[in-house]
Every structure is written in structure tokens, then in C-alpha cells.
Amino acid sequence: MAKKTAKEQSTFDFEKGLDELEQLVGRMEQGDLTLEQSLKEFEHGVELTRHCQQALQEAEQKVEILLQKSADAELTPFTPDDES
């Protein structure tokens, strides 16, 4: 399996990846796949999971950097009512 370049990794769409992962799990849960198909789907699912985890880690790092730049900023839980 070839490693993706930094540019390919940075263009990963988290929402699409998560949606694809959910569809993949659904196909596997139906139980209609052959063993070979299941293994391929599982391998792809592991890859998608890694990309999603990396995207989340990068987002968390960006938030931490932004908070460090603002000394008086505090972390507070997000609530949908806060959207304006």
C-alpha cells in the first residue's frame, strides 16, 4: 500500500470519510459479502479510520495553537445554542 503525500492527506474530507465509513460498516453488517470482499472492506475501513483520526488530531492541534496565541482565551464546552 503506497503512502499518501502530505498534499493528498491534507485534502482529506472528514465528513465524506466518516460517511463512507458508516456505509462500509453497514455493508459489512448485512453479512452478504464474501470473505475476500469483507477483508477488502475491513482494510479500507481501517484506512478511513486512520485518516479521520488524523484529521481530528490536526483540528485539535489548530485549536490548541489558536488558544495559546490568545492568553486570555478559555476552553468552554460547545453548545448549539452558542451559534449566532
C-alpha atoms as a PDB file:
ATOM      1  CA  MET A   1       0.000   0.000   0.000  1.00  0.00           C
ATOM      2  CA  ALA A   2       1.534   3.315  -1.086  1.00  0.00           C
ATOM      3  CA  LYS A   3       1.841   6.150   1.396  1.00  0.00           C
ATOM      4  CA  LYS A   4      -0.075   9.288   0.537  1.00  0.00           C
ATOM      5  CA  THR A   5       1.748  12.553   0.093  1.00  0.00           C
ATOM      6  CA  ALA A   6       1.253  15.417   2.531  1.00  0.00           C
ATOM      7  CA  LYS A   7      -0.910  17.200  -0.054  1.00  0.00           C
ATOM      8  CA  GLU A   8      -3.161  14.155  -0.514  1.00  0.00           C
ATOM      9  CA  GLN A   9      -3.542  13.792   3.259  1.00  0.00           C
ATOM     10  CA  SER A  10      -4.347  17.475   3.741  1.00  0.00           C
ATOM     11  CA  THR A  11      -7.171  17.281   1.180  1.00  0.00           C
ATOM     12  CA  PHE A  12      -8.972  14.510   3.084  1.00  0.00           C
ATOM     13  CA  ASP A  13     -12.626  15.451   3.612  1.00  0.00           C
ATOM     14  CA  PHE A  14     -13.511  14.343   7.147  1.00  0.00           C
ATOM     15  CA  GLU A  15     -17.274  14.371   6.657  1.00  0.00           C
ATOM     16  CA  LYS A  16     -17.104  12.365   3.427  1.00  0.00           C
ATOM     17  CA  GLY A  17     -14.678   9.914   5.016  1.00  0.00           C
ATOM     18  CA  LEU A  18     -16.925   9.427   8.017  1.00  0.00           C
ATOM     19  CA  ASP A  19     -19.971   8.945   5.780  1.00  0.00           C
ATOM     20  CA  GLU A  20     -18.090   6.403   3.671  1.00  0.00           C
ATOM     21  CA  LEU A  21     -17.004   4.590   6.828  1.00  0.00           C
ATOM     22  CA  GLU A  22     -20.610   4.411   8.060  1.00  0.00           C
ATOM     23  CA  GLN A  23     -21.754   2.988   4.698  1.00  0.00           C
ATOM     24  CA  LEU A  24     -18.915   0.475   4.751  1.00  0.00           C
ATOM     25  CA  VAL A  25     -19.905  -0.728   8.232  1.00  0.00           C
ATOM     26  CA  GLY A  26     -23.497  -1.065   7.063  1.00  0.00           C
ATOM     27  CA  ARG A  27     -22.464  -3.252   4.119  1.00  0.00           C
ATOM     28  CA  MET A  28     -20.372  -5.443   6.390  1.00  0.00           C
ATOM     29  CA  GLU A  29     -23.144  -5.777   8.974  1.00  0.00           C
ATOM     30  CA  GLN A  30     -25.545  -7.082   6.313  1.00  0.00           C
ATOM     31  CA  GLY A  31     -23.374 -10.184   6.044  1.00  0.00           C
ATOM     32  CA  ASP A  32     -23.783 -10.541   2.271  1.00  0.00           C
ATOM     33  CA  LEU A  33     -20.081 -10.107   1.436  1.00  0.00           C
ATOM     34  CA  THR A  34     -17.659 -12.898   0.686  1.00  0.00           C
ATOM     35  CA  LEU A  35     -14.666 -13.339   2.961  1.00  0.00           C
ATOM     36  CA  GLU A  36     -12.413 -11.667   0.390  1.00  0.00           C
ATOM     37  CA  GLN A  37     -14.797  -8.715  -0.002  1.00  0.00           C
ATOM     38  CA  SER A  38     -15.091  -8.399   3.777  1.00  0.00           C
ATOM     39  CA  LEU A  39     -11.318  -8.297   4.156  1.00  0.00           C
ATOM     40  CA  LYS A  40     -11.013  -5.600   1.479  1.00  0.00           C
ATOM     41  CA  GLU A  41     -13.772  -3.564   3.103  1.00  0.00           C
ATOM     42  CA  PHE A  42     -12.169  -4.006   6.518  1.00  0.00           C
ATOM     43  CA  GLU A  43      -8.786  -2.858   5.184  1.00  0.00           C
ATOM     44  CA  HIS A  44     -10.400   0.189   3.602  1.00  0.00           C
ATOM     45  CA  GLY A  45     -12.262   0.888   6.843  1.00  0.00           C
ATOM     46  CA  VAL A  46      -9.016   0.835   8.815  1.00  0.00           C
ATOM     47  CA  GLU A  47      -7.512   3.306   6.327  1.00  0.00           C
ATOM     48  CA  LEU A  48     -10.538   5.602   6.579  1.00  0.00           C
ATOM     49  CA  THR A  49     -10.447   5.430  10.373  1.00  0.00           C
ATOM     50  CA  ARG A  50      -6.789   6.447  10.390  1.00  0.00           C
ATOM     51  CA  HIS A  51      -7.487   9.386   8.084  1.00  0.00           C
ATOM     52  CA  CYS A  52     -10.417  10.513  10.241  1.00  0.00           C
ATOM     53  CA  GLN A  53      -8.322  10.242  13.410  1.00  0.00           C
ATOM     54  CA  GLN A  54      -5.533  12.237  11.797  1.00  0.00           C
ATOM     55  CA  ALA A  55      -7.974  14.936  10.659  1.00  0.00           C
ATOM     56  CA  LEU A  56      -9.359  15.187  14.204  1.00  0.00           C
ATOM     57  CA  GLN A  57      -5.853  15.401  15.695  1.00  0.00           C
ATOM     58  CA  GLU A  58      -4.910  18.158  13.252  1.00  0.00           C
ATOM     59  CA  ALA A  59      -8.051  20.102  14.108  1.00  0.00           C
ATOM     60  CA  GLU A  60      -7.325  19.715  17.828  1.00  0.00           C
ATOM     61  CA  GLN A  61      -3.758  20.950  17.305  1.00  0.00           C
ATOM     62  CA  LYS A  62      -5.024  24.008  15.409  1.00  0.00           C
ATOM     63  CA  VAL A  63      -7.421  24.826  18.243  1.00  0.00           C
ATOM     64  CA  GLU A  64      -4.626  24.472  20.807  1.00  0.00           C
ATOM     65  CA  ILE A  65      -2.348  26.759  18.784  1.00  0.00           C
ATOM     66  CA  LEU A  66      -5.081  29.374  18.465  1.00  0.00           C
ATOM     67  CA  LEU A  67      -5.790  29.221  22.193  1.00  0.00           C
ATOM     68  CA  GLN A  68      -2.099  29.588  23.032  1.00  0.00           C
ATOM     69  CA  LYS A  69      -1.938  32.742  20.900  1.00  0.00           C
ATOM     70  CA  SER A  70      -4.717  34.267  22.959  1.00  0.00           C
ATOM     71  CA  ALA A  71      -3.579  34.282  26.584  1.00  0.00           C
ATOM     72  CA  ASP A  72      -7.000  35.184  27.992  1.00  0.00           C
ATOM     73  CA  ALA A  73      -8.958  32.600  25.953  1.00  0.00           C
ATOM     74  CA  GLU A  74     -10.554  29.768  27.899  1.00  0.00           C
ATOM     75  CA  LEU A  75     -11.852  26.418  26.743  1.00  0.00           C
ATOM     76  CA  THR A  76     -15.592  26.159  27.217  1.00  0.00           C
ATOM     77  CA  PRO A  77     -17.920  23.377  26.113  1.00  0.00           C
ATOM     78  CA  PHE A  78     -19.649  23.998  22.808  1.00  0.00           C
ATOM     79  CA  THR A  79     -23.419  24.096  22.832  1.00  0.00           C
ATOM     80  CA  PRO A  80     -25.530  24.509  19.676  1.00  0.00           C
ATOM     81  CA  ASP A  81     -27.283  27.498  21.291  1.00  0.00           C
ATOM     82  CA  ASP A  82     -23.944  29.384  21.097  1.00  0.00           C
ATOM     83  CA  GLU A  83     -24.166  29.607  17.297  1.00  0.00           C
ATOM     84  CA  SER A  84     -25.065  33.063  16.067  1.00  0.00           C
END
